[in-house]
Amino acid sequence: MKYLLRVSLVAALFVCFSAAPAFAAADAAKPAPEAKSETRAAPAKAAPAKAAPAAKSEAKAAPAKATPAKAAPAKAAPAKAAPAKASADADDAIKQKLDEFARSIVDSFNRTIMPSEKKKEVKKNSDGTYIARYIAVDPVSINTSYKKSEGNPPVVYVGTIRYVEKEFYCIAATKAAAERGPFALKSSESTTELVKYVKGRWTY
């Protein structure tokens, strides 16, 4: 009987000692869940994939870059300058009429003035020489300007015509020689004429 009890006790101890490594192995196997937690953490690393919606927002922002196209009407602004150009053209036409009127005045002056270049005045000096003289307006000296009239309603513009009247002379031994010249400038005088623009034309 005692022999059987000893055998049973020995067997029980043997079982306990043999089972201990098994429990130790079971504890050693516990790190496996940590590996699972690491694998679960992997999706967190995939978070950057969520940046894809940001790309959509950038695509939505693209229309904002197209706003400069709205500036196109501003480029069309020069078309509004057409009335100003028409006004400038009208002013040029009025100035051209004034210049033509000024030349006609000077031409008429040179034709009618006495003595003229074609009909010189010749006198005999006390020393027996002859002096010939004439008056003329230099067409190059013509200068014109005009402004809006502020007075009489029929008068649209008031113009100014300026020119230089010159006197020439020649002294020679004979009358014929004095008439031939050459002539020298004796004096010059600036003259101003005031004119008005009425019913589409310039007049005194």
Protein backbone atom coordinates (compact mmCIF):
# COMPACT_ATOMS: atom_id res chain seq x y z
CA MET A 1 0.00 0.00 0.00
CA LYS A 2 2.72 2.52 0.93
CA TYR A 3 4.52 1.53 -2.27
CA LEU A 4 1.50 2.46 -4.36
CA LEU A 5 1.13 5.80 -2.59
CA ARG A 6 4.78 6.63 -3.28
CA VAL A 7 4.37 5.72 -6.94
CA SER A 8 1.25 7.91 -7.19
CA LEU A 9 3.03 10.83 -5.52
CA VAL A 10 6.01 10.47 -7.83
CA ALA A 11 3.66 10.33 -10.83
CA ALA A 12 1.83 13.44 -9.65
CA LEU A 13 5.07 15.37 -9.25
CA PHE A 14 6.19 14.22 -12.64
CA VAL A 15 2.97 15.46 -14.17
CA CYS A 16 3.34 18.83 -12.41
CA PHE A 17 6.91 19.31 -13.57
CA SER A 18 6.09 18.21 -17.09
CA ALA A 19 3.09 20.56 -17.20
CA ALA A 20 5.17 23.56 -16.04
CA PRO A 21 7.01 23.90 -19.34
CA ALA A 22 3.69 23.76 -21.11
CA PHE A 23 2.40 26.75 -19.05
CA ALA A 24 5.66 28.57 -19.70
CA ALA A 25 5.24 27.89 -23.42
CA ALA A 26 1.70 29.22 -23.22
CA ASP A 27 2.95 32.42 -21.58
CA ALA A 28 5.63 32.73 -24.24
CA ALA A 29 2.95 32.55 -26.87
CA LYS A 30 1.20 35.61 -25.42
CA PRO A 31 3.26 38.14 -27.53
CA ALA A 32 1.24 36.94 -30.52
CA PRO A 33 -1.60 39.40 -29.73
CA GLU A 34 0.97 42.25 -29.87
CA ALA A 35 1.76 41.16 -33.40
CA LYS A 36 -1.95 41.43 -34.11
CA SER A 37 -2.04 44.91 -32.69
CA GLU A 38 0.84 45.84 -34.99
CA THR A 39 -1.00 44.49 -37.97
CA ARG A 40 -4.04 46.49 -36.88
CA ALA A 41 -1.90 49.63 -36.71
CA ALA A 42 -1.02 49.17 -40.35
CA PRO A 43 -4.28 50.79 -41.54
CA ALA A 44 -3.33 53.93 -39.59
CA LYS A 45 -0.25 54.20 -41.78
CA ALA A 46 -2.52 54.12 -44.82
CA ALA A 47 -4.11 57.40 -43.67
CA PRO A 48 -2.25 59.46 -46.33
CA ALA A 49 -4.53 57.82 -48.87
CA LYS A 50 -7.20 60.19 -47.54
CA ALA A 51 -5.35 63.05 -49.29
CA ALA A 52 -7.21 62.08 -52.46
CA PRO A 53 -10.18 64.34 -51.54
CA ALA A 54 -7.70 67.23 -51.26
CA ALA A 55 -6.87 66.68 -54.90
CA LYS A 56 -10.59 67.11 -55.63
CA SER A 57 -10.61 70.38 -53.76
CA GLU A 58 -7.68 71.52 -55.89
CA ALA A 59 -9.59 70.54 -58.97
CA LYS A 60 -12.54 72.57 -57.69
CA ALA A 61 -10.24 75.55 -57.21
CA ALA A 62 -9.30 75.45 -60.89
CA PRO A 63 -12.34 77.57 -61.97
CA ALA A 64 -11.08 80.35 -59.70
CA LYS A 65 -7.98 80.58 -61.90
CA ALA A 66 -10.23 81.21 -64.87
CA THR A 67 -11.41 84.54 -63.38
CA PRO A 68 -8.96 86.63 -65.52
CA ALA A 69 -11.29 85.87 -68.43
CA LYS A 70 -13.69 88.39 -66.86
CA ALA A 71 -11.17 91.14 -67.63
CA ALA A 72 -11.92 90.78 -71.36
CA PRO A 73 -14.61 93.54 -71.32
CA ALA A 74 -11.97 95.97 -70.00
CA LYS A 75 -10.00 95.43 -73.21
CA ALA A 76 -13.05 96.53 -75.15
CA ALA A 77 -12.88 99.96 -73.44
CA PRO A 78 -10.94 101.58 -76.34
CA ALA A 79 -14.13 101.23 -78.38
CA LYS A 80 -15.55 104.01 -76.20
CA ALA A 81 -12.84 106.31 -77.54
CA ALA A 82 -14.66 106.44 -80.90
CA PRO A 83 -16.65 109.60 -79.97
CA ALA A 84 -13.43 111.30 -78.86
CA LYS A 85 -11.83 110.39 -82.19
CA ALA A 86 -14.84 111.77 -84.05
CA SER A 87 -14.54 114.99 -82.05
CA ALA A 88 -10.82 115.20 -82.85
CA ASP A 89 -11.56 114.67 -86.54
CA ALA A 90 -14.15 117.47 -86.41
CA ASP A 91 -11.63 119.77 -84.72
CA ASP A 92 -9.07 118.96 -87.42
CA ALA A 93 -11.60 119.78 -90.12
CA ILE A 94 -12.40 123.14 -88.50
CA LYS A 95 -8.68 123.93 -88.14
CA GLN A 96 -8.10 123.01 -91.78
CA LYS A 97 -10.87 125.37 -92.85
CA LEU A 98 -9.30 128.11 -90.77
CA ASP A 99 -5.88 127.57 -92.35
CA GLU A 100 -7.41 127.68 -95.84
CA PHE A 101 -9.28 130.87 -94.95
CA ALA A 102 -6.05 132.43 -93.65
CA ARG A 103 -4.20 131.63 -96.89
CA SER A 104 -7.03 133.13 -98.92
CA ILE A 105 -6.78 136.35 -96.86
CA VAL A 106 -3.03 136.58 -97.39
CA ASP A 107 -3.33 135.86 -101.12
CA SER A 108 -5.97 138.57 -101.44
CA PHE A 109 -3.79 140.98 -99.45
CA ASN A 110 -0.79 140.38 -101.70
CA ARG A 111 -2.93 140.92 -104.85
CA THR A 112 -4.61 144.13 -103.73
CA ILE A 113 -2.02 145.86 -101.57
CA MET A 114 -0.12 148.80 -103.02
CA PRO A 115 2.69 148.92 -103.75
CA SER A 116 2.88 145.20 -104.48
CA GLU A 117 5.64 142.97 -105.78
CA LYS A 118 4.17 143.18 -109.29
CA LYS A 119 3.45 146.93 -109.10
CA LYS A 120 6.36 148.44 -107.26
CA GLU A 121 6.58 152.06 -106.22
CA VAL A 122 9.65 153.84 -107.65
CA LYS A 123 10.87 157.30 -106.56
CA LYS A 124 13.89 159.39 -107.42
CA ASN A 125 16.11 160.44 -104.55
CA SER A 126 17.68 163.85 -104.16
CA ASP A 127 21.09 162.41 -105.10
CA GLY A 128 19.80 161.23 -108.46
CA THR A 129 19.40 157.53 -107.50
CA TYR A 130 16.13 155.63 -107.62
CA ILE A 131 14.43 153.68 -104.84
CA ALA A 132 11.85 150.99 -105.52
CA ARG A 133 9.68 149.49 -102.77
CA TYR A 134 6.82 147.09 -102.25
CA ILE A 135 4.88 145.41 -99.40
CA ALA A 136 4.04 141.72 -99.10
CA VAL A 137 2.93 139.17 -96.56
CA ASP A 138 5.10 136.10 -96.13
CA PRO A 139 2.80 133.03 -96.39
CA VAL A 140 5.24 131.11 -94.18
CA SER A 141 4.51 133.51 -91.30
CA ILE A 142 0.80 132.56 -91.11
CA ASN A 143 -0.28 131.23 -87.71
CA THR A 144 -3.86 130.32 -86.78
CA SER A 145 -5.80 129.29 -83.68
CA TYR A 146 -9.41 129.16 -82.51
CA LYS A 147 -11.56 128.56 -79.43
CA LYS A 148 -15.17 127.97 -78.49
CA SER A 149 -17.30 131.09 -78.61
CA GLU A 150 -18.81 132.18 -75.29
CA GLY A 151 -20.91 135.04 -76.65
CA ASN A 152 -23.24 135.34 -79.61
CA PRO A 153 -25.03 131.97 -80.19
CA PRO A 154 -24.73 132.01 -84.02
CA VAL A 155 -20.95 132.18 -83.63
CA VAL A 156 -19.68 128.72 -82.81
CA TYR A 157 -15.93 129.50 -82.73
CA VAL A 158 -13.72 132.57 -82.65
CA GLY A 159 -10.48 132.37 -84.63
CA THR A 160 -7.23 134.29 -84.77
CA ILE A 161 -5.04 134.71 -87.87
CA ARG A 162 -1.55 136.14 -87.45
CA TYR A 163 0.87 137.03 -90.22
CA VAL A 164 3.88 139.26 -90.84
CA GLU A 165 3.70 142.16 -93.26
CA LYS A 166 7.10 143.03 -94.74
CA GLU A 167 8.41 146.02 -96.69
CA PHE A 168 11.24 145.55 -99.24
CA TYR A 169 13.33 148.16 -101.09
CA CYS A 170 16.06 148.52 -103.68
CA ILE A 171 18.21 151.57 -104.52
CA ALA A 172 19.83 151.74 -107.93
CA ALA A 173 21.26 154.27 -110.37
CA THR A 174 18.35 153.91 -112.78
CA LYS A 175 14.62 153.31 -112.44
CA ALA A 176 14.78 150.00 -114.31
CA ALA A 177 17.63 148.75 -112.17
CA ALA A 178 15.75 149.69 -108.99
CA GLU A 179 12.69 147.74 -110.18
CA ARG A 180 14.80 144.66 -110.95
CA GLY A 181 16.38 144.47 -107.52
CA PRO A 182 17.70 142.66 -105.63
CA PHE A 183 15.45 143.82 -102.80
CA ALA A 184 16.34 143.98 -99.12
CA LEU A 185 14.06 143.84 -96.09
CA LYS A 186 13.40 147.31 -94.75
CA SER A 187 10.84 146.55 -92.01
CA SER A 188 8.35 143.96 -90.80
CA GLU A 189 5.13 144.27 -88.85
CA SER A 190 2.99 141.57 -87.25
CA THR A 191 -0.72 141.75 -87.94
CA THR A 192 -3.60 139.92 -86.20
CA GLU A 193 -7.01 139.30 -87.75
CA LEU A 194 -10.05 138.13 -85.75
CA VAL A 195 -12.52 135.87 -87.56
CA LYS A 196 -15.60 133.86 -86.60
CA TYR A 197 -17.06 130.47 -87.50
CA VAL A 198 -20.73 130.74 -88.45
CA LYS A 199 -22.93 128.22 -90.28
CA GLY A 200 -20.04 125.89 -91.08
CA ARG A 201 -17.56 128.44 -92.45
CA TRP A 202 -15.06 131.08 -91.38
CA THR A 203 -15.74 134.75 -92.05
CA TYR A 204 -14.95 138.25 -90.78
